[in-house]
């Protein structure tokens, strides 16, 4: 197997909007594409309290 090759698209707000990956495995080449959209409102959260 070889190392995967990746492309990442980032929008003006710093969010990942597309990810592509090409890999070569023992079974042959593979290509994945993932698209992110309709992000909705920003979430707010905080870390849980430490015990």
PDB file of N, CA and C in Angstrom:
ATOM      1  N   UNK A   1       0.822  -1.185   0.000  1.00  0.00           N
ATOM      2  CA  UNK A   1       0.000   0.000   0.000  1.00  0.00           C
ATOM      3  C   UNK A   1       0.864   1.247   0.000  1.00  0.00           C
ATOM      4  N   UNK A   2       0.354   2.270  -0.631  1.00  0.00           N
ATOM      5  CA  UNK A   2       1.059   3.545  -0.627  1.00  0.00           C
ATOM      6  C   UNK A   2       0.322   4.536   0.274  1.00  0.00           C
ATOM      7  N   UNK A   3       0.973   5.637   0.554  1.00  0.00           N
ATOM      8  CA  UNK A   3       0.339   6.676   1.369  1.00  0.00           C
ATOM      9  C   UNK A   3      -0.818   7.285   0.592  1.00  0.00           C
ATOM     10  N   UNK A   4      -1.915   7.624   1.278  1.00  0.00           N
ATOM     11  CA  UNK A   4      -3.031   8.255   0.583  1.00  0.00           C
ATOM     12  C   UNK A   4      -2.680   9.677   0.159  1.00  0.00           C
ATOM     13  N   UNK A   5      -3.320  10.113  -0.900  1.00  0.00           N
ATOM     14  CA  UNK A   5      -3.205  11.488  -1.358  1.00  0.00           C
ATOM     15  C   UNK A   5      -4.538  12.164  -1.054  1.00  0.00           C
ATOM     16  N   UNK A   6      -4.508  13.337  -0.429  1.00  0.00           N
ATOM     17  CA  UNK A   6      -5.727  14.009   0.001  1.00  0.00           C
ATOM     18  C   UNK A   6      -5.794  15.431  -0.519  1.00  0.00           C
ATOM     19  N   UNK A   7      -7.000  15.899  -0.816  1.00  0.00           N
ATOM     20  CA  UNK A   7      -7.281  17.296  -1.122  1.00  0.00           C
ATOM     21  C   UNK A   7      -8.383  17.750  -0.191  1.00  0.00           C
ATOM     22  N   UNK A   8      -8.247  18.959   0.337  1.00  0.00           N
ATOM     23  CA  UNK A   8      -9.211  19.510   1.279  1.00  0.00           C
ATOM     24  C   UNK A   8      -9.592  20.902   0.815  1.00  0.00           C
ATOM     25  N   UNK A   9     -10.889  21.164   0.668  1.00  0.00           N
ATOM     26  CA  UNK A   9     -11.396  22.475   0.289  1.00  0.00           C
ATOM     27  C   UNK A   9     -11.943  23.148   1.545  1.00  0.00           C
ATOM     28  N   UNK A  10     -11.501  24.372   1.804  1.00  0.00           N
ATOM     29  CA  UNK A  10     -11.909  25.146   2.970  1.00  0.00           C
ATOM     30  C   UNK A  10     -12.624  26.403   2.472  1.00  0.00           C
ATOM     31  N   UNK A  11     -13.791  26.727   3.081  1.00  0.00           N
ATOM     32  CA  UNK A  11     -14.502  27.931   2.656  1.00  0.00           C
ATOM     33  C   UNK A  11     -13.958  29.166   3.370  1.00  0.00           C
ATOM     34  N   UNK A  12     -14.537  30.345   3.070  1.00  0.00           N
ATOM     35  CA  UNK A  12     -14.065  31.614   3.630  1.00  0.00           C
ATOM     36  C   UNK A  12     -14.226  31.678   5.142  1.00  0.00           C
ATOM     37  N   UNK A  13     -15.086  30.843   5.716  1.00  0.00           N
ATOM     38  CA  UNK A  13     -15.289  30.832   7.160  1.00  0.00           C
ATOM     39  C   UNK A  13     -14.438  29.767   7.861  1.00  0.00           C
ATOM     40  N   UNK A  14     -13.550  29.106   7.113  1.00  0.00           N
ATOM     41  CA  UNK A  14     -12.649  28.125   7.700  1.00  0.00           C
ATOM     42  C   UNK A  14     -13.239  26.737   7.864  1.00  0.00           C
ATOM     43  N   UNK A  15     -14.384  26.472   7.215  1.00  0.00           N
ATOM     44  CA  UNK A  15     -15.035  25.162   7.339  1.00  0.00           C
ATOM     45  C   UNK A  15     -14.630  24.262   6.176  1.00  0.00           C
ATOM     46  N   UNK A  16     -14.458  22.997   6.459  1.00  0.00           N
ATOM     47  CA  UNK A  16     -14.198  22.025   5.397  1.00  0.00           C
ATOM     48  C   UNK A  16     -15.483  21.834   4.596  1.00  0.00           C
ATOM     49  N   UNK A  17     -15.405  22.030   3.276  1.00  0.00           N
ATOM     50  CA  UNK A  17     -16.579  21.852   2.426  1.00  0.00           C
ATOM     51  C   UNK A  17     -16.449  20.654   1.483  1.00  0.00           C
ATOM     52  N   UNK A  18     -15.225  20.178   1.300  1.00  0.00           N
ATOM     53  CA  UNK A  18     -15.029  18.998   0.444  1.00  0.00           C
ATOM     54  C   UNK A  18     -13.705  18.341   0.815  1.00  0.00           C
ATOM     55  N   UNK A  19     -13.720  17.021   0.775  1.00  0.00           N
ATOM     56  CA  UNK A  19     -12.528  16.226   1.062  1.00  0.00           C
ATOM     57  C   UNK A  19     -12.451  15.142   0.000  1.00  0.00           C
ATOM     58  N   UNK A  20     -11.292  15.004  -0.632  1.00  0.00           N
ATOM     59  CA  UNK A  20     -11.072  13.926  -1.605  1.00  0.00           C
ATOM     60  C   UNK A  20      -9.835  13.149  -1.197  1.00  0.00           C
ATOM     61  N   UNK A  21      -9.896  11.837  -1.419  1.00  0.00           N
ATOM     62  CA  UNK A  21      -8.773  10.969  -1.067  1.00  0.00           C
ATOM     63  C   UNK A  21      -8.593   9.916  -2.149  1.00  0.00           C
ATOM     64  N   UNK A  22      -7.343   9.706  -2.517  1.00  0.00           N
ATOM     65  CA  UNK A  22      -6.982   8.643  -3.451  1.00  0.00           C
ATOM     66  C   UNK A  22      -6.038   7.698  -2.719  1.00  0.00           C
ATOM     67  N   UNK A  23      -6.318   6.409  -2.806  1.00  0.00           N
ATOM     68  CA  UNK A  23      -5.441   5.421  -2.169  1.00  0.00           C
ATOM     69  C   UNK A  23      -5.164   4.273  -3.130  1.00  0.00           C
ATOM     70  N   UNK A  24      -4.066   3.616  -2.893  1.00  0.00           N
ATOM     71  CA  UNK A  24      -3.707   2.417  -3.635  1.00  0.00           C
ATOM     72  C   UNK A  24      -3.565   1.306  -2.614  1.00  0.00           C
ATOM     73  N   UNK A  25      -4.397   0.283  -2.703  1.00  0.00           N
ATOM     74  CA  UNK A  25      -4.348  -0.821  -1.751  1.00  0.00           C
ATOM     75  C   UNK A  25      -3.991  -2.114  -2.471  1.00  0.00           C
ATOM     76  N   UNK A  26      -3.937  -3.176  -1.742  1.00  0.00           N
ATOM     77  CA  UNK A  26      -3.659  -4.485  -2.331  1.00  0.00           C
ATOM     78  C   UNK A  26      -4.757  -4.901  -3.310  1.00  0.00           C
ATOM     79  N   UNK A  27      -5.939  -4.303  -3.175  1.00  0.00           N
ATOM     80  CA  UNK A  27      -7.080  -4.632  -4.043  1.00  0.00           C
ATOM     81  C   UNK A  27      -7.222  -3.685  -5.222  1.00  0.00           C
ATOM     82  N   UNK A  28      -6.339  -2.685  -5.327  1.00  0.00           N
ATOM     83  CA  UNK A  28      -6.383  -1.739  -6.426  1.00  0.00           C
ATOM     84  C   UNK A  28      -6.636  -0.325  -5.938  1.00  0.00           C
ATOM     85  N   UNK A  29      -6.783   0.610  -6.878  1.00  0.00           N
ATOM     86  CA  UNK A  29      -6.958   2.006  -6.501  1.00  0.00           C
ATOM     87  C   UNK A  29      -8.382   2.289  -6.002  1.00  0.00           C
ATOM     88  N   UNK A  30      -8.489   3.313  -5.167  1.00  0.00           N
ATOM     89  CA  UNK A  30      -9.794   3.752  -4.677  1.00  0.00           C
ATOM     90  C   UNK A  30      -9.790   5.270  -4.585  1.00  0.00           C
ATOM     91  N   UNK A  31     -10.963   5.865  -4.780  1.00  0.00           N
ATOM     92  CA  UNK A  31     -11.117   7.318  -4.718  1.00  0.00           C
ATOM     93  C   UNK A  31     -12.384   7.623  -3.932  1.00  0.00           C
ATOM     94  N   UNK A  32     -12.273   8.488  -2.919  1.00  0.00           N
ATOM     95  CA  UNK A  32     -13.411   8.901  -2.100  1.00  0.00           C
ATOM     96  C   UNK A  32     -13.584  10.408  -2.233  1.00  0.00           C
ATOM     97  N   UNK A  33     -14.831  10.860  -2.264  1.00  0.00           N
ATOM     98  CA  UNK A  33     -15.151  12.283  -2.210  1.00  0.00           C
ATOM     99  C   UNK A  33     -16.254  12.479  -1.188  1.00  0.00           C
ATOM    100  N   UNK A  34     -16.050  13.417  -0.271  1.00  0.00           N
ATOM    101  CA  UNK A  34     -17.050  13.758   0.736  1.00  0.00           C
ATOM    102  C   UNK A  34     -17.303  15.250   0.634  1.00  0.00           C
ATOM    103  N   UNK A  35     -18.582  15.642   0.520  1.00  0.00           N
ATOM    104  CA  UNK A  35     -18.956  17.056   0.462  1.00  0.00           C
ATOM    105  C   UNK A  35     -19.780  17.399   1.697  1.00  0.00           C
ATOM    106  N   UNK A  36     -19.486  18.551   2.298  1.00  0.00           N
ATOM    107  CA  UNK A  36     -20.210  19.030   3.467  1.00  0.00           C
ATOM    108  C   UNK A  36     -20.956  20.298   3.078  1.00  0.00           C
ATOM    109  N   UNK A  37     -22.234  20.398   3.464  1.00  0.00           N
ATOM    110  CA  UNK A  37     -23.027  21.591   3.157  1.00  0.00           C
ATOM    111  C   UNK A  37     -24.145  21.718   4.179  1.00  0.00           C
ATOM    112  N   UNK A  38     -24.902  22.790   4.079  1.00  0.00           N
ATOM    113  CA  UNK A  38     -26.007  23.044   5.000  1.00  0.00           C
ATOM    114  C   UNK A  38     -25.536  22.964   6.443  1.00  0.00           C
ATOM    115  N   UNK A  39     -24.568  23.809   6.788  1.00  0.00           N
ATOM    116  CA  UNK A  39     -23.936  23.762   8.098  1.00  0.00           C
ATOM    117  C   UNK A  39     -24.869  24.165   9.233  1.00  0.00           C
ATOM    118  N   UNK A  40     -25.824  25.011   8.980  1.00  0.00           N
ATOM    119  CA  UNK A  40     -26.722  25.455  10.044  1.00  0.00           C
ATOM    120  C   UNK A  40     -26.031  26.450  10.967  1.00  0.00           C
ATOM    121  N   UNK A  41     -26.704  26.811  12.065  1.00  0.00           N
ATOM    122  CA  UNK A  41     -26.115  27.798  12.973  1.00  0.00           C
ATOM    123  C   UNK A  41     -24.918  27.218  13.725  1.00  0.00           C
ATOM    124  N   UNK A  42     -24.038  28.118  14.146  1.00  0.00           N
ATOM    125  CA  UNK A  42     -22.871  27.697  14.920  1.00  0.00           C
ATOM    126  C   UNK A  42     -23.316  27.177  16.280  1.00  0.00           C
ATOM    127  N   UNK A  43     -22.699  26.109  16.723  1.00  0.00           N
ATOM    128  CA  UNK A  43     -22.988  25.532  18.033  1.00  0.00           C
ATOM    129  C   UNK A  43     -22.050  26.150  19.065  1.00  0.00           C
ATOM    130  N   UNK A  44     -22.527  26.290  20.287  1.00  0.00           N
ATOM    131  CA  UNK A  44     -21.642  26.730  21.363  1.00  0.00           C
ATOM    132  C   UNK A  44     -21.628  25.639  22.431  1.00  0.00           C
ATOM    133  N   UNK A  45     -20.458  25.364  22.947  1.00  0.00           N
ATOM    134  CA  UNK A  45     -20.313  24.323  23.961  1.00  0.00           C
ATOM    135  C   UNK A  45     -19.057  24.600  24.760  1.00  0.00           C
ATOM    136  N   UNK A  46     -18.943  23.945  25.905  1.00  0.00           N
ATOM    137  CA  UNK A  46     -17.745  24.090  26.739  1.00  0.00           C
ATOM    138  C   UNK A  46     -17.312  22.704  27.204  1.00  0.00           C
ATOM    139  N   UNK A  47     -16.057  22.626  27.612  1.00  0.00           N
ATOM    140  CA  UNK A  47     -15.523  21.351  28.093  1.00  0.00           C
ATOM    141  C   UNK A  47     -16.192  20.973  29.410  1.00  0.00           C
ATOM    142  N   UNK A  48     -16.373  19.665  29.668  1.00  0.00           N
ATOM    143  CA  UNK A  48     -16.958  19.249  30.941  1.00  0.00           C
ATOM    144  C   UNK A  48     -16.009  19.558  32.099  1.00  0.00           C
ATOM    145  N   UNK A  49     -16.579  19.697  33.289  1.00  0.00           N
ATOM    146  CA  UNK A  49     -15.772  19.965  34.474  1.00  0.00           C
ATOM    147  C   UNK A  49     -14.881  18.762  34.774  1.00  0.00           C
ATOM    148  N   UNK A  50     -13.671  19.050  35.240  1.00  0.00           N
ATOM    149  CA  UNK A  50     -12.742  17.973  35.604  1.00  0.00           C
ATOM    150  C   UNK A  50     -13.109  17.452  36.993  1.00  0.00           C
ATOM    151  N   UNK A  51     -13.054  16.164  37.181  1.00  0.00           N
ATOM    152  CA  UNK A  51     -13.354  15.554  38.493  1.00  0.00           C
ATOM    153  C   UNK A  51     -12.158  15.580  39.380  1.00  0.00           C
TER     154      UNK A  51
END
